[in-house]
C-alpha atoms as a PDB file:
ATOM      1  CA  UNK A   1     -16.339  -4.894  -3.177  1.00  0.00           C
ATOM      2  CA  UNK A   2     -16.396  -3.045  -6.453  1.00  0.00           C
ATOM      3  CA  UNK A   3     -12.974  -2.018  -7.687  1.00  0.00           C
ATOM      4  CA  UNK A   4     -14.457   1.441  -8.234  1.00  0.00           C
ATOM      5  CA  UNK A   5     -15.252   1.797  -4.544  1.00  0.00           C
ATOM      6  CA  UNK A   6     -12.702   3.763  -2.573  1.00  0.00           C
ATOM      7  CA  UNK A   7     -11.829   2.295   0.813  1.00  0.00           C
ATOM      8  CA  UNK A   8      -9.919   5.200   2.292  1.00  0.00           C
ATOM      9  CA  UNK A   9      -7.634   5.342   5.283  1.00  0.00           C
ATOM     10  CA  UNK A  10      -5.182   7.895   6.739  1.00  0.00           C
ATOM     11  CA  UNK A  11      -2.866   8.896   3.901  1.00  0.00           C
ATOM     12  CA  UNK A  12       0.726   7.729   3.808  1.00  0.00           C
ATOM     13  CA  UNK A  13       3.404   9.058   1.477  1.00  0.00           C
ATOM     14  CA  UNK A  14       6.134   6.775   0.169  1.00  0.00           C
ATOM     15  CA  UNK A  15       9.480   8.125  -1.005  1.00  0.00           C
ATOM     16  CA  UNK A  16      10.195   5.983  -4.064  1.00  0.00           C
ATOM     17  CA  UNK A  17      12.950   5.977  -6.657  1.00  0.00           C
ATOM     18  CA  UNK A  18      12.056   6.978 -10.183  1.00  0.00           C
ATOM     19  CA  UNK A  19      10.090   9.673 -11.946  1.00  0.00           C
ATOM     20  CA  UNK A  20       7.194   9.712  -9.508  1.00  0.00           C
ATOM     21  CA  UNK A  21       9.338   9.976  -6.395  1.00  0.00           C
ATOM     22  CA  UNK A  22       6.630  10.760  -3.841  1.00  0.00           C
ATOM     23  CA  UNK A  23       3.633   8.424  -3.936  1.00  0.00           C
ATOM     24  CA  UNK A  24       0.537   9.441  -1.991  1.00  0.00           C
ATOM     25  CA  UNK A  25      -1.390   6.374  -0.840  1.00  0.00           C
ATOM     26  CA  UNK A  26      -4.977   6.948   0.348  1.00  0.00           C
ATOM     27  CA  UNK A  27      -6.917   3.832  -0.660  1.00  0.00           C
ATOM     28  CA  UNK A  28      -6.615   0.083  -1.011  1.00  0.00           C
ATOM     29  CA  UNK A  29      -6.502   0.609  -4.791  1.00  0.00           C
ATOM     30  CA  UNK A  30      -3.485   2.905  -4.326  1.00  0.00           C
ATOM     31  CA  UNK A  31      -1.760   0.218  -2.235  1.00  0.00           C
ATOM     32  CA  UNK A  32      -2.372  -2.418  -4.898  1.00  0.00           C
ATOM     33  CA  UNK A  33      -1.173  -0.139  -7.686  1.00  0.00           C
ATOM     34  CA  UNK A  34       2.113   0.779  -6.026  1.00  0.00           C
ATOM     35  CA  UNK A  35       2.814  -2.829  -5.061  1.00  0.00           C
ATOM     36  CA  UNK A  36       2.183  -4.157  -8.561  1.00  0.00           C
ATOM     37  CA  UNK A  37       3.618  -1.338 -10.677  1.00  0.00           C
ATOM     38  CA  UNK A  38       6.380   0.334  -8.671  1.00  0.00           C
ATOM     39  CA  UNK A  39       7.679  -2.016  -5.989  1.00  0.00           C
ATOM     40  CA  UNK A  40      11.438  -2.633  -6.154  1.00  0.00           C
ATOM     41  CA  UNK A  41      11.271  -6.304  -5.155  1.00  0.00           C
ATOM     42  CA  UNK A  42       8.552  -8.915  -5.528  1.00  0.00           C
ATOM     43  CA  UNK A  43       9.952 -11.643  -3.322  1.00  0.00           C
ATOM     44  CA  UNK A  44       9.755 -10.298   0.221  1.00  0.00           C
ATOM     45  CA  UNK A  45       7.521 -11.876   2.847  1.00  0.00           C
ATOM     46  CA  UNK A  46       5.954  -8.540   3.805  1.00  0.00           C
ATOM     47  CA  UNK A  47       5.425  -7.709   0.120  1.00  0.00           C
ATOM     48  CA  UNK A  48       3.404 -10.915  -0.337  1.00  0.00           C
ATOM     49  CA  UNK A  49       1.517 -10.219   2.891  1.00  0.00           C
ATOM     50  CA  UNK A  50       0.641  -6.735   1.603  1.00  0.00           C
ATOM     51  CA  UNK A  51      -0.708  -8.155  -1.662  1.00  0.00           C
ATOM     52  CA  UNK A  52      -2.843 -10.623   0.282  1.00  0.00           C
ATOM     53  CA  UNK A  53      -4.044  -7.825   2.564  1.00  0.00           C
ATOM     54  CA  UNK A  54      -5.133  -5.807  -0.498  1.00  0.00           C
ATOM     55  CA  UNK A  55      -7.142  -8.739  -1.804  1.00  0.00           C
ATOM     56  CA  UNK A  56      -8.704  -9.319   1.620  1.00  0.00           C
ATOM     57  CA  UNK A  57      -9.565  -5.621   1.924  1.00  0.00           C
ATOM     58  CA  UNK A  58     -11.205  -5.718  -1.528  1.00  0.00           C
ATOM     59  CA  UNK A  59     -13.253  -8.702  -0.345  1.00  0.00           C
ATOM     60  CA  UNK A  60     -14.007  -6.749   2.852  1.00  0.00           C
ATOM     61  CA  UNK A  61     -12.715  -9.547   5.080  1.00  0.00           C
ATOM     62  CA  UNK A  62     -10.304  -7.105   6.718  1.00  0.00           C
ATOM     63  CA  UNK A  63     -10.542  -3.326   7.155  1.00  0.00           C
ATOM     64  CA  UNK A  64      -8.864  -1.069   4.608  1.00  0.00           C
ATOM     65  CA  UNK A  65      -6.481   0.247   7.259  1.00  0.00           C
ATOM     66  CA  UNK A  66      -5.030  -3.282   7.569  1.00  0.00           C
ATOM     67  CA  UNK A  67      -3.861  -3.033   3.948  1.00  0.00           C
ATOM     68  CA  UNK A  68      -2.232   0.292   4.832  1.00  0.00           C
ATOM     69  CA  UNK A  69      -0.430  -1.290   7.767  1.00  0.00           C
ATOM     70  CA  UNK A  70       0.736  -4.171   5.566  1.00  0.00           C
ATOM     71  CA  UNK A  71       2.068  -1.663   3.021  1.00  0.00           C
ATOM     72  CA  UNK A  72       4.071   0.091   5.733  1.00  0.00           C
ATOM     73  CA  UNK A  73       5.598  -3.221   6.855  1.00  0.00           C
ATOM     74  CA  UNK A  74       6.476  -4.022   3.229  1.00  0.00           C
ATOM     75  CA  UNK A  75       8.051  -0.568   2.845  1.00  0.00           C
ATOM     76  CA  UNK A  76      10.110  -1.139   5.973  1.00  0.00           C
ATOM     77  CA  UNK A  77      11.213  -4.507   4.592  1.00  0.00           C
ATOM     78  CA  UNK A  78      12.811  -2.883   1.520  1.00  0.00           C
ATOM     79  CA  UNK A  79      13.754   0.356   3.294  1.00  0.00           C
ATOM     80  CA  UNK A  80      11.339   2.656   1.495  1.00  0.00           C
ATOM     81  CA  UNK A  81      10.936   5.797   3.601  1.00  0.00           C
ATOM     82  CA  UNK A  82       7.359   6.716   4.433  1.00  0.00           C
ATOM     83  CA  UNK A  83       5.457   9.196   6.517  1.00  0.00           C
ATOM     84  CA  UNK A  84       1.873   9.736   7.564  1.00  0.00           C
ATOM     85  CA  UNK A  85       0.094  12.864   6.483  1.00  0.00           C
ATOM     86  CA  UNK A  86      -1.993  14.647   9.090  1.00  0.00           C
ATOM     87  CA  UNK A  87      -4.730  16.803   7.653  1.00  0.00           C
END
């Protein structure tokens, strides 16, 4: 998969600490960015699973929505509130 290709899924909003408090996540690229740049802890099991899921979604070995689900589990692991946006 090209990194410029957007693999979208139902949007999820994370409530983070810091300047950009509300993060809107719509694509696998968004998942990867928030995990690498803004995640509060890089040693959780679900965090590692979410990183692997992003890589697998980029390689198209799993669907993009699986990366979203992994992100939600990682958010639960470190108690980051999240909610799904319904459009």
